[in-house]
Amino acid sequence: MAIKNISHAITLAPKQYEAAHLKLIKSTQGNDLAILQDFEAHSLSEQNSASLMDRMDSKYLLPMKDFNSLMQDIASNYTILNSGGKRIFHYQTTYFDNKQRRFYLDHHNGKLNRYKVRFRRYVESNMGYMEVKFKNNNKRTIKQRIPMDCILPDQIRVNEFIRETLGYSTKFETALFVNYQRITLLNNSSNNKERITIDLNLSFRNAIDQTQSIQDKVFIIEIKQDRKAVSSPCRQQLKARGYHDLNFSKYCIGSVLTNTNNNDESMKPLKSNRFKNVLRQLNKFNELH
């Protein structure tokens, strides 16, 4: 389901995206999440004080068999987001790229000063944001975003934001739909500004030929800090278990997993050598179940 862009670089169509995302909805049925109740809670307003829109990121890929033991070992060091009585939340993300997949290739080729453009919907609150993520040449992640209506978005504002943030305007198309469920933790030390996101039940849908990939046997941990050198109880536990951070991008990995070779020029097999380690890890962890 490719969205045609006519008068704008991006023509945002959230209702069409939602229809695609609904085919990817996954529940936590079968996952034991009772451990989440062991964490002290924090509110959304408290979390916003540690938004870390300019940060250093470390990403880790783990098998679901390690979820409970890891969470148990870090429960005393972090608080968990509790909003509306929930501690895990559904995210729907729609990624955009040009027909030649410039953003994908920039990441694959290790280019710094690179971008990702996406529309994100928080399902429980039905809030939407247009977002641009920038990885600069110091390997810092800088995220800019504006709120956007999930039914009738302001197309002019969308395109002004994209043009001003990227510094140029070109035609983009929908490239990938990604669903997952997210848990968010904050370091409970007043001296440590650290936020951790834990993503479960990842599912990907190619926006052109609707190929899908469900990755529900793994979870992703992302440690977000102002400075990577700051002590992290979670990183210490991951290191003790033998896990190291990976070059993991949901957009890039989802694109590889759903890529098919057909007559569409943009759908020729994507270069993926840079992501072989992540793909091997995914295969290994999927075979553990």
C-alpha atoms as a PDB file:
ATOM      1  CA  MET A   1       0.000   0.000   0.000  1.00  0.00           C
ATOM      2  CA  ALA A   2       2.174   2.862  -1.231  1.00  0.00           C
ATOM      3  CA  ILE A   3       0.846   6.341  -0.498  1.00  0.00           C
ATOM      4  CA  LYS A   4       1.112   8.581  -3.545  1.00  0.00           C
ATOM      5  CA  ASN A   5       2.659  12.008  -2.943  1.00  0.00           C
ATOM      6  CA  ILE A   6       1.236  14.631  -5.248  1.00  0.00           C
ATOM      7  CA  SER A   7       1.587  18.226  -4.064  1.00  0.00           C
ATOM      8  CA  HIS A   8       3.762  17.624  -1.007  1.00  0.00           C
ATOM      9  CA  ALA A   9       7.015  15.859  -0.198  1.00  0.00           C
ATOM     10  CA  ILE A  10       4.903  13.788   2.193  1.00  0.00           C
ATOM     11  CA  THR A  11       1.147  13.399   2.092  1.00  0.00           C
ATOM     12  CA  LEU A  12       0.341  12.113   5.567  1.00  0.00           C
ATOM     13  CA  ALA A  13      -2.523   9.581   5.624  1.00  0.00           C
ATOM     14  CA  PRO A  14      -2.841   8.283   9.213  1.00  0.00           C
ATOM     15  CA  LYS A  15      -6.116   6.417   8.667  1.00  0.00           C
ATOM     16  CA  GLN A  16      -4.541   4.407   5.841  1.00  0.00           C
ATOM     17  CA  TYR A  17      -1.505   3.701   8.002  1.00  0.00           C
ATOM     18  CA  GLU A  18      -3.715   2.548  10.852  1.00  0.00           C
ATOM     19  CA  ALA A  19      -5.431   0.035   8.565  1.00  0.00           C
ATOM     20  CA  ALA A  20      -2.023  -1.460   7.744  1.00  0.00           C
ATOM     21  CA  HIS A  21      -0.915  -1.427  11.379  1.00  0.00           C
ATOM     22  CA  LEU A  22      -4.068  -3.205  12.539  1.00  0.00           C
ATOM     23  CA  LYS A  23      -2.931  -6.263  10.599  1.00  0.00           C
ATOM     24  CA  LEU A  24       0.212  -6.278  12.746  1.00  0.00           C
ATOM     25  CA  ILE A  25      -1.291  -5.843  16.208  1.00  0.00           C
ATOM     26  CA  LYS A  26       0.317  -8.287  18.615  1.00  0.00           C
ATOM     27  CA  SER A  27      -0.669  -8.876  22.219  1.00  0.00           C
ATOM     28  CA  THR A  28       1.463  -9.898  25.170  1.00  0.00           C
ATOM     29  CA  GLN A  29      -0.509 -13.116  25.487  1.00  0.00           C
ATOM     30  CA  GLY A  30       1.951 -15.874  26.323  1.00  0.00           C
ATOM     31  CA  ASN A  31       4.479 -13.472  27.841  1.00  0.00           C
ATOM     32  CA  ASP A  32       4.692 -13.430  31.610  1.00  0.00           C
ATOM     33  CA  LEU A  33       4.813  -9.724  32.524  1.00  0.00           C
ATOM     34  CA  ALA A  34       4.065 -10.036  36.231  1.00  0.00           C
ATOM     35  CA  ILE A  35       7.605  -8.828  36.937  1.00  0.00           C
ATOM     36  CA  LEU A  36       6.567  -5.325  35.837  1.00  0.00           C
ATOM     37  CA  GLN A  37       4.644  -4.967  39.094  1.00  0.00           C
ATOM     38  CA  ASP A  38       7.930  -5.186  41.017  1.00  0.00           C
ATOM     39  CA  PHE A  39       8.960  -1.741  39.787  1.00  0.00           C
ATOM     40  CA  GLU A  40       8.049   1.506  41.508  1.00  0.00           C
ATOM     41  CA  ALA A  41       6.079   3.694  39.108  1.00  0.00           C
ATOM     42  CA  HIS A  42       6.640   7.130  37.609  1.00  0.00           C
ATOM     43  CA  SER A  43       4.189   9.364  35.743  1.00  0.00           C
ATOM     44  CA  LEU A  44       4.267  10.620  32.168  1.00  0.00           C
ATOM     45  CA  SER A  45       5.057  14.155  33.361  1.00  0.00           C
ATOM     46  CA  GLU A  46       8.023  12.813  35.340  1.00  0.00           C
ATOM     47  CA  GLN A  47       9.176  10.921  32.280  1.00  0.00           C
ATOM     48  CA  ASN A  48       8.973  14.023  30.095  1.00  0.00           C
ATOM     49  CA  SER A  49      11.599  15.623  32.323  1.00  0.00           C
ATOM     50  CA  ALA A  50      14.025  12.987  31.001  1.00  0.00           C
ATOM     51  CA  SER A  51      12.971  13.100  27.341  1.00  0.00           C
ATOM     52  CA  LEU A  52      16.634  13.104  26.196  1.00  0.00           C
ATOM     53  CA  MET A  53      15.912  14.440  22.718  1.00  0.00           C
ATOM     54  CA  ASP A  54      19.679  14.917  22.340  1.00  0.00           C
ATOM     55  CA  ARG A  55      21.425  11.795  23.594  1.00  0.00           C
ATOM     56  CA  MET A  56      23.753   8.839  23.217  1.00  0.00           C
ATOM     57  CA  ASP A  57      22.082   5.501  22.434  1.00  0.00           C
ATOM     58  CA  SER A  58      23.087   1.900  23.062  1.00  0.00           C
ATOM     59  CA  LYS A  59      20.881  -0.900  21.671  1.00  0.00           C
ATOM     60  CA  TYR A  60      20.815  -4.549  22.673  1.00  0.00           C
ATOM     61  CA  LEU A  61      18.986  -7.551  21.237  1.00  0.00           C
ATOM     62  CA  LEU A  62      17.985 -10.361  23.626  1.00  0.00           C
ATOM     63  CA  PRO A  63      15.900 -13.556  23.524  1.00  0.00           C
ATOM     64  CA  MET A  64      12.602 -13.495  25.432  1.00  0.00           C
ATOM     65  CA  LYS A  65      13.856 -16.271  27.711  1.00  0.00           C
ATOM     66  CA  ASP A  66      16.066 -13.659  29.424  1.00  0.00           C
ATOM     67  CA  PHE A  67      13.318 -11.089  29.951  1.00  0.00           C
ATOM     68  CA  ASN A  68      12.154 -11.978  33.450  1.00  0.00           C
ATOM     69  CA  SER A  69      15.578 -12.553  34.957  1.00  0.00           C
ATOM     70  CA  LEU A  70      16.958  -9.279  33.604  1.00  0.00           C
ATOM     71  CA  MET A  71      13.951  -7.275  34.757  1.00  0.00           C
ATOM     72  CA  GLN A  72      14.182  -8.834  38.187  1.00  0.00           C
ATOM     73  CA  ASP A  73      17.849  -7.868  38.501  1.00  0.00           C
ATOM     74  CA  ILE A  74      17.284  -4.187  37.602  1.00  0.00           C
ATOM     75  CA  ALA A  75      13.935  -3.595  39.346  1.00  0.00           C
ATOM     76  CA  SER A  76      15.515  -1.821  42.316  1.00  0.00           C
ATOM     77  CA  ASN A  77      17.422   0.616  40.082  1.00  0.00           C
ATOM     78  CA  TYR A  78      14.607   1.923  37.893  1.00  0.00           C
ATOM     79  CA  THR A  79      11.029   3.135  37.973  1.00  0.00           C
ATOM     80  CA  ILE A  80       8.487   2.210  35.290  1.00  0.00           C
ATOM     81  CA  LEU A  81       6.048   4.392  33.375  1.00  0.00           C
ATOM     82  CA  ASN A  82       2.502   3.857  34.645  1.00  0.00           C
ATOM     83  CA  SER A  83      -0.200   5.701  32.728  1.00  0.00           C
ATOM     84  CA  GLY A  84      -3.884   4.910  33.003  1.00  0.00           C
ATOM     85  CA  GLY A  85      -3.039   1.822  35.036  1.00  0.00           C
ATOM     86  CA  LYS A  86      -0.931   0.382  32.185  1.00  0.00           C
ATOM     87  CA  ARG A  87       2.770  -0.392  32.220  1.00  0.00           C
ATOM     88  CA  ILE A  88       3.222  -1.492  28.607  1.00  0.00           C
ATOM     89  CA  PHE A  89       2.004   0.462  25.577  1.00  0.00           C
ATOM     90  CA  HIS A  90       1.353  -0.108  21.865  1.00  0.00           C
ATOM     91  CA  TYR A  91       3.325   1.941  19.335  1.00  0.00           C
ATOM     92  CA  GLN A  92       2.634   2.243  15.606  1.00  0.00           C
ATOM     93  CA  THR A  93       5.392   3.780  13.484  1.00  0.00           C
ATOM     94  CA  THR A  94       5.262   4.563   9.781  1.00  0.00           C
ATOM     95  CA  TYR A  95       8.620   5.251   8.126  1.00  0.00           C
ATOM     96  CA  PHE A  96       9.179   7.323   4.995  1.00  0.00           C
ATOM     97  CA  ASP A  97      11.990   7.264   2.465  1.00  0.00           C
ATOM     98  CA  ASN A  98      12.530   8.209  -1.145  1.00  0.00           C
ATOM     99  CA  LYS A  99      12.171   5.667  -3.918  1.00  0.00           C
ATOM    100  CA  GLN A 100      15.907   4.929  -3.909  1.00  0.00           C
ATOM    101  CA  ARG A 101      15.814   4.343  -0.097  1.00  0.00           C
ATOM    102  CA  ARG A 102      18.321   7.055   0.705  1.00  0.00           C
ATOM    103  CA  PHE A 103      17.796   6.923   4.496  1.00  0.00           C
ATOM    104  CA  TYR A 104      18.198   3.152   4.531  1.00  0.00           C
ATOM    105  CA  LEU A 105      21.373   3.222   2.452  1.00  0.00           C
ATOM    106  CA  ASP A 106      22.901   6.063   4.470  1.00  0.00           C
ATOM    107  CA  HIS A 107      22.527   3.935   7.601  1.00  0.00           C
ATOM    108  CA  HIS A 108      23.737   0.751   5.919  1.00  0.00           C
ATOM    109  CA  ASN A 109      26.801   2.521   4.553  1.00  0.00           C
ATOM    110  CA  GLY A 110      27.721   3.903   7.979  1.00  0.00           C
ATOM    111  CA  LYS A 111      27.146   7.504   7.009  1.00  0.00           C
ATOM    112  CA  LEU A 112      26.927   9.867   9.942  1.00  0.00           C
ATOM    113  CA  ASN A 113      24.831  13.016   9.778  1.00  0.00           C
ATOM    114  CA  ARG A 114      21.980  10.758   8.649  1.00  0.00           C
ATOM    115  CA  TYR A 115      18.212  10.944   9.094  1.00  0.00           C
ATOM    116  CA  LYS A 116      15.086   8.895   9.665  1.00  0.00           C
ATOM    117  CA  VAL A 117      11.622  10.371   8.992  1.00  0.00           C
ATOM    118  CA  ARG A 118       8.555   8.804  10.581  1.00  0.00           C
ATOM    119  CA  PHE A 119       5.016   9.262  11.847  1.00  0.00           C
ATOM    120  CA  ARG A 120       4.400   7.723  15.272  1.00  0.00           C
ATOM    121  CA  ARG A 121       1.055   6.968  16.865  1.00  0.00           C
ATOM    122  CA  TYR A 122       0.688   6.129  20.552  1.00  0.00           C
ATOM    123  CA  VAL A 123      -2.282   3.795  20.457  1.00  0.00           C
ATOM    124  CA  GLU A 124      -3.588   4.090  24.020  1.00  0.00           C
ATOM    125  CA  SER A 125      -3.688   7.905  23.959  1.00  0.00           C
ATOM    126  CA  ASN A 126      -4.268   8.217  20.175  1.00  0.00           C
ATOM    127  CA  MET A 127      -1.580  10.886  20.051  1.00  0.00           C
ATOM    128  CA  GLY A 128       0.470  11.321  16.896  1.00  0.00           C
ATOM    129  CA  TYR A 129       3.814  12.935  16.148  1.00  0.00           C
ATOM    130  CA  MET A 130       5.760  13.665  13.000  1.00  0.00           C
ATOM    131  CA  GLU A 131       9.395  12.964  13.851  1.00  0.00           C
ATOM    132  CA  VAL A 132      12.846  13.393  12.348  1.00  0.00           C
ATOM    133  CA  LYS A 133      15.784  11.557  13.961  1.00  0.00           C
ATOM    134  CA  PHE A 134      19.274  12.787  13.212  1.00  0.00           C
ATOM    135  CA  LYS A 135      22.493  10.885  13.969  1.00  0.00           C
ATOM    136  CA  ASN A 136      25.326  13.398  13.909  1.00  0.00           C
ATOM    137  CA  ASN A 137      29.042  12.862  13.331  1.00  0.00           C
ATOM    138  CA  ASN A 138      29.590  12.585  17.087  1.00  0.00           C
ATOM    139  CA  LYS A 139      27.182   9.623  17.096  1.00  0.00           C
ATOM    140  CA  ARG A 140      24.627  11.576  19.110  1.00  0.00           C
ATOM    141  CA  THR A 141      20.938  11.025  18.349  1.00  0.00           C
ATOM    142  CA  ILE A 142      18.929  14.243  18.081  1.00  0.00           C
ATOM    143  CA  LYS A 143      15.173  13.919  17.720  1.00  0.00           C
ATOM    144  CA  GLN A 144      12.797  16.664  16.672  1.00  0.00           C
ATOM    145  CA  ARG A 145       9.043  16.228  16.505  1.00  0.00           C
ATOM    146  CA  ILE A 146       5.743  18.047  16.259  1.00  0.00           C
ATOM    147  CA  PRO A 147       2.309  16.819  17.381  1.00  0.00           C
ATOM    148  CA  MET A 148       0.047  15.776  14.542  1.00  0.00           C
ATOM    149  CA  ASP A 149      -3.636  14.896  14.368  1.00  0.00           C
ATOM    150  CA  CYS A 150      -4.184  11.177  13.791  1.00  0.00           C
ATOM    151  CA  ILE A 151      -7.262  11.793  11.624  1.00  0.00           C
ATOM    152  CA  LEU A 152      -6.859  15.118   9.797  1.00  0.00           C
ATOM    153  CA  PRO A 153      -3.182  16.113   9.879  1.00  0.00           C
ATOM    154  CA  ASP A 154      -2.025  19.573   8.830  1.00  0.00           C
ATOM    155  CA  GLN A 155      -0.262  18.708   5.561  1.00  0.00           C
ATOM    156  CA  ILE A 156       1.323  22.136   5.176  1.00  0.00           C
ATOM    157  CA  ARG A 157       2.799  22.005   8.665  1.00  0.00           C
ATOM    158  CA  VAL A 158       4.087  18.468   8.055  1.00  0.00           C
ATOM    159  CA  ASN A 159       5.975  19.522   4.967  1.00  0.00           C
ATOM    160  CA  GLU A 160       7.300  22.761   6.459  1.00  0.00           C
ATOM    161  CA  PHE A 161       8.648  20.749   9.392  1.00  0.00           C
ATOM    162  CA  ILE A 162      10.291  18.165   7.111  1.00  0.00           C
ATOM    163  CA  ARG A 163      11.814  20.810   4.843  1.00  0.00           C
ATOM    164  CA  GLU A 164      13.126  22.935   7.723  1.00  0.00           C
ATOM    165  CA  THR A 165      14.538  19.954   9.624  1.00  0.00           C
ATOM    166  CA  LEU A 166      16.173  18.167   6.694  1.00  0.00           C
ATOM    167  CA  GLY A 167      17.229  21.359   4.927  1.00  0.00           C
ATOM    168  CA  TYR A 168      15.783  20.198   1.608  1.00  0.00           C
ATOM    169  CA  SER A 169      12.554  18.965   0.051  1.00  0.00           C
ATOM    170  CA  THR A 170      12.052  15.871  -2.085  1.00  0.00           C
ATOM    171  CA  LYS A 171       9.373  13.288  -2.736  1.00  0.00           C
ATOM    172  CA  PHE A 172       8.959  10.631  -0.051  1.00  0.00           C
ATOM    173  CA  GLU A 173       6.813   7.518   0.028  1.00  0.00           C
ATOM    174  CA  THR A 174       5.699   5.200   2.783  1.00  0.00           C
ATOM    175  CA  ALA A 175       8.444   2.630   3.242  1.00  0.00           C
ATOM    176  CA  LEU A 176       7.653   0.476   6.289  1.00  0.00           C
ATOM    177  CA  PHE A 177       5.056  -0.075   9.026  1.00  0.00           C
ATOM    178  CA  VAL A 178       6.370  -1.160  12.432  1.00  0.00           C
ATOM    179  CA  ASN A 179       4.381  -2.249  15.504  1.00  0.00           C
ATOM    180  CA  TYR A 180       5.676  -3.088  18.947  1.00  0.00           C
ATOM    181  CA  GLN A 181       4.888  -2.778  22.637  1.00  0.00           C
ATOM    182  CA  ARG A 182       7.084  -0.601  24.812  1.00  0.00           C
ATOM    183  CA  ILE A 183       8.055  -0.487  28.476  1.00  0.00           C
ATOM    184  CA  THR A 184       9.872   2.653  29.640  1.00  0.00           C
ATOM    185  CA  LEU A 185      12.141   2.855  32.681  1.00  0.00           C
ATOM    186  CA  LEU A 186      13.877   5.777  34.394  1.00  0.00           C
ATOM    187  CA  ASN A 187      16.987   5.475  36.517  1.00  0.00           C
ATOM    188  CA  ASN A 188      15.864   6.249  40.068  1.00  0.00           C
ATOM    189  CA  SER A 189      19.172   7.886  40.996  1.00  0.00           C
ATOM    190  CA  SER A 190      18.846  11.676  41.085  1.00  0.00           C
ATOM    191  CA  ASN A 191      22.418  11.924  39.749  1.00  0.00           C
ATOM    192  CA  ASN A 192      21.820   9.795  36.661  1.00  0.00           C
ATOM    193  CA  LYS A 193      19.680  11.000  33.770  1.00  0.00           C
ATOM    194  CA  GLU A 194      19.027   7.695  32.037  1.00  0.00           C
ATOM    195  CA  ARG A 195      15.970   6.374  30.226  1.00  0.00           C
ATOM    196  CA  ILE A 196      15.563   2.795  29.042  1.00  0.00           C
ATOM    197  CA  THR A 197      13.028   1.524  26.537  1.00  0.00           C
ATOM    198  CA  ILE A 198      12.229  -2.165  26.176  1.00  0.00           C
ATOM    199  CA  ASP A 199      10.387  -3.186  23.005  1.00  0.00           C
ATOM    200  CA  LEU A 200       8.525  -6.488  22.651  1.00  0.00           C
ATOM    201  CA  ASN A 201       6.480  -8.190  19.934  1.00  0.00           C
ATOM    202  CA  LEU A 202       8.027  -6.426  16.975  1.00  0.00           C
ATOM    203  CA  SER A 203       6.196  -6.779  13.692  1.00  0.00           C
ATOM    204  CA  PHE A 204       7.018  -5.272  10.309  1.00  0.00           C
ATOM    205  CA  ARG A 205       4.966  -4.733   7.170  1.00  0.00           C
ATOM    206  CA  ASN A 206       6.370  -3.636   3.843  1.00  0.00           C
ATOM    207  CA  ALA A 207       4.373  -0.667   2.568  1.00  0.00           C
ATOM    208  CA  ILE A 208       4.608  -1.707  -1.080  1.00  0.00           C
ATOM    209  CA  ASP A 209       3.867  -5.421  -1.313  1.00  0.00           C
ATOM    210  CA  GLN A 210       2.539  -5.981   2.246  1.00  0.00           C
ATOM    211  CA  THR A 211       5.114  -8.663   3.138  1.00  0.00           C
ATOM    212  CA  GLN A 212       5.152  -9.165   6.911  1.00  0.00           C
ATOM    213  CA  SER A 213       7.682 -10.331   9.486  1.00  0.00           C
ATOM    214  CA  ILE A 214       6.823 -11.058  13.128  1.00  0.00           C
ATOM    215  CA  GLN A 215       9.682 -11.034  15.642  1.00  0.00           C
ATOM    216  CA  ASP A 216       7.953 -11.951  18.907  1.00  0.00           C
ATOM    217  CA  LYS A 217      10.717 -14.175  20.327  1.00  0.00           C
ATOM    218  CA  VAL A 218      13.135 -11.306  20.950  1.00  0.00           C
ATOM    219  CA  PHE A 219      13.127  -7.960  22.696  1.00  0.00           C
ATOM    220  CA  ILE A 220      15.166  -4.794  22.227  1.00  0.00           C
ATOM    221  CA  ILE A 221      16.679  -2.720  25.002  1.00  0.00           C
ATOM    222  CA  GLU A 222      17.747   0.830  24.240  1.00  0.00           C
ATOM    223  CA  ILE A 223      19.749   2.725  26.855  1.00  0.00           C
ATOM    224  CA  LYS A 224      19.461   6.482  26.361  1.00  0.00           C
ATOM    225  CA  GLN A 225      21.813   8.790  28.231  1.00  0.00           C
ATOM    226  CA  ASP A 226      23.190  12.285  27.969  1.00  0.00           C
ATOM    227  CA  ARG A 227      26.666  10.730  27.966  1.00  0.00           C
ATOM    228  CA  LYS A 228      27.398   7.083  27.245  1.00  0.00           C
ATOM    229  CA  ALA A 229      30.130   6.933  29.893  1.00  0.00           C
ATOM    230  CA  VAL A 230      27.600   7.439  32.689  1.00  0.00           C
ATOM    231  CA  SER A 231      27.166   4.350  34.867  1.00  0.00           C
ATOM    232  CA  SER A 232      24.151   2.202  33.968  1.00  0.00           C
ATOM    233  CA  PRO A 233      22.942  -0.690  36.163  1.00  0.00           C
ATOM    234  CA  CYS A 234      21.165  -2.129  33.128  1.00  0.00           C
ATOM    235  CA  ARG A 235      24.293  -2.022  30.978  1.00  0.00           C
ATOM    236  CA  GLN A 236      26.233  -3.714  33.770  1.00  0.00           C
ATOM    237  CA  GLN A 237      23.685  -6.547  33.900  1.00  0.00           C
ATOM    238  CA  LEU A 238      23.773  -6.932  30.119  1.00  0.00           C
ATOM    239  CA  LYS A 239      27.564  -7.058  30.122  1.00  0.00           C
ATOM    240  CA  ALA A 240      27.514  -9.689  32.892  1.00  0.00           C
ATOM    241  CA  ARG A 241      25.256 -11.800  30.666  1.00  0.00           C
ATOM    242  CA  GLY A 242      27.645 -11.476  27.723  1.00  0.00           C
ATOM    243  CA  TYR A 243      25.516  -9.093  25.619  1.00  0.00           C
ATOM    244  CA  HIS A 244      27.036  -6.233  23.641  1.00  0.00           C
ATOM    245  CA  ASP A 245      25.386  -3.295  21.948  1.00  0.00           C
ATOM    246  CA  LEU A 246      24.473  -3.692  18.287  1.00  0.00           C
ATOM    247  CA  ASN A 247      23.898  -1.464  15.302  1.00  0.00           C
ATOM    248  CA  PHE A 248      20.130  -2.055  15.329  1.00  0.00           C
ATOM    249  CA  SER A 249      17.610   0.076  13.470  1.00  0.00           C
ATOM    250  CA  LYS A 250      13.963  -1.015  13.378  1.00  0.00           C
ATOM    251  CA  TYR A 251      13.561   0.690  10.037  1.00  0.00           C
ATOM    252  CA  CYS A 252      16.617  -0.970   8.481  1.00  0.00           C
ATOM    253  CA  ILE A 253      16.120  -4.457   9.923  1.00  0.00           C
ATOM    254  CA  GLY A 254      12.395  -4.411   9.172  1.00  0.00           C
ATOM    255  CA  SER A 255      13.167  -3.320   5.614  1.00  0.00           C
ATOM    256  CA  VAL A 256      15.548  -6.253   5.127  1.00  0.00           C
ATOM    257  CA  LEU A 257      13.155  -8.782   6.670  1.00  0.00           C
ATOM    258  CA  THR A 258      10.274  -7.710   4.436  1.00  0.00           C
ATOM    259  CA  ASN A 259      12.239  -6.964   1.275  1.00  0.00           C
ATOM    260  CA  THR A 260      11.222  -8.912  -1.822  1.00  0.00           C
ATOM    261  CA  ASN A 261      12.590  -8.872  -5.323  1.00  0.00           C
ATOM    262  CA  ASN A 262       9.937  -7.912  -7.830  1.00  0.00           C
ATOM    263  CA  ASN A 263       9.534  -5.589 -10.768  1.00  0.00           C
ATOM    264  CA  ASP A 264       9.478  -2.432  -8.631  1.00  0.00           C
ATOM    265  CA  GLU A 265      12.830  -0.646  -8.898  1.00  0.00           C
ATOM    266  CA  SER A 266      12.757   0.330  -5.216  1.00  0.00           C
ATOM    267  CA  MET A 267      12.211  -3.286  -4.169  1.00  0.00           C
ATOM    268  CA  LYS A 268      15.363  -4.839  -5.572  1.00  0.00           C
ATOM    269  CA  PRO A 269      17.239  -6.728  -2.857  1.00  0.00           C
ATOM    270  CA  LEU A 270      18.557  -4.234  -0.335  1.00  0.00           C
ATOM    271  CA  LYS A 271      22.207  -4.157   0.611  1.00  0.00           C
ATOM    272  CA  SER A 272      22.375  -5.794   4.044  1.00  0.00           C
ATOM    273  CA  ASN A 273      25.998  -6.764   4.744  1.00  0.00           C
ATOM    274  CA  ARG A 274      26.253  -4.245   7.565  1.00  0.00           C
ATOM    275  CA  PHE A 275      23.338  -5.908   9.366  1.00  0.00           C
ATOM    276  CA  LYS A 276      24.467  -9.545   9.078  1.00  0.00           C
ATOM    277  CA  ASN A 277      25.374  -9.723  12.764  1.00  0.00           C
ATOM    278  CA  VAL A 278      21.896  -8.567  13.814  1.00  0.00           C
ATOM    279  CA  LEU A 279      20.226 -10.945  11.369  1.00  0.00           C
ATOM    280  CA  ARG A 280      22.309 -13.855  12.711  1.00  0.00           C
ATOM    281  CA  GLN A 281      21.304 -12.940  16.254  1.00  0.00           C
ATOM    282  CA  LEU A 282      17.643 -12.843  15.267  1.00  0.00           C
ATOM    283  CA  ASN A 283      17.878 -16.288  13.672  1.00  0.00           C
ATOM    284  CA  LYS A 284      19.711 -17.677  16.695  1.00  0.00           C
ATOM    285  CA  PHE A 285      17.198 -16.310  19.220  1.00  0.00           C
ATOM    286  CA  ASN A 286      14.196 -17.380  17.148  1.00  0.00           C
ATOM    287  CA  GLU A 287      15.528 -20.942  17.160  1.00  0.00           C
ATOM    288  CA  LEU A 288      15.657 -20.979  20.964  1.00  0.00           C
ATOM    289  CA  HIS A 289      11.851 -21.299  21.121  1.00  0.00           C
END
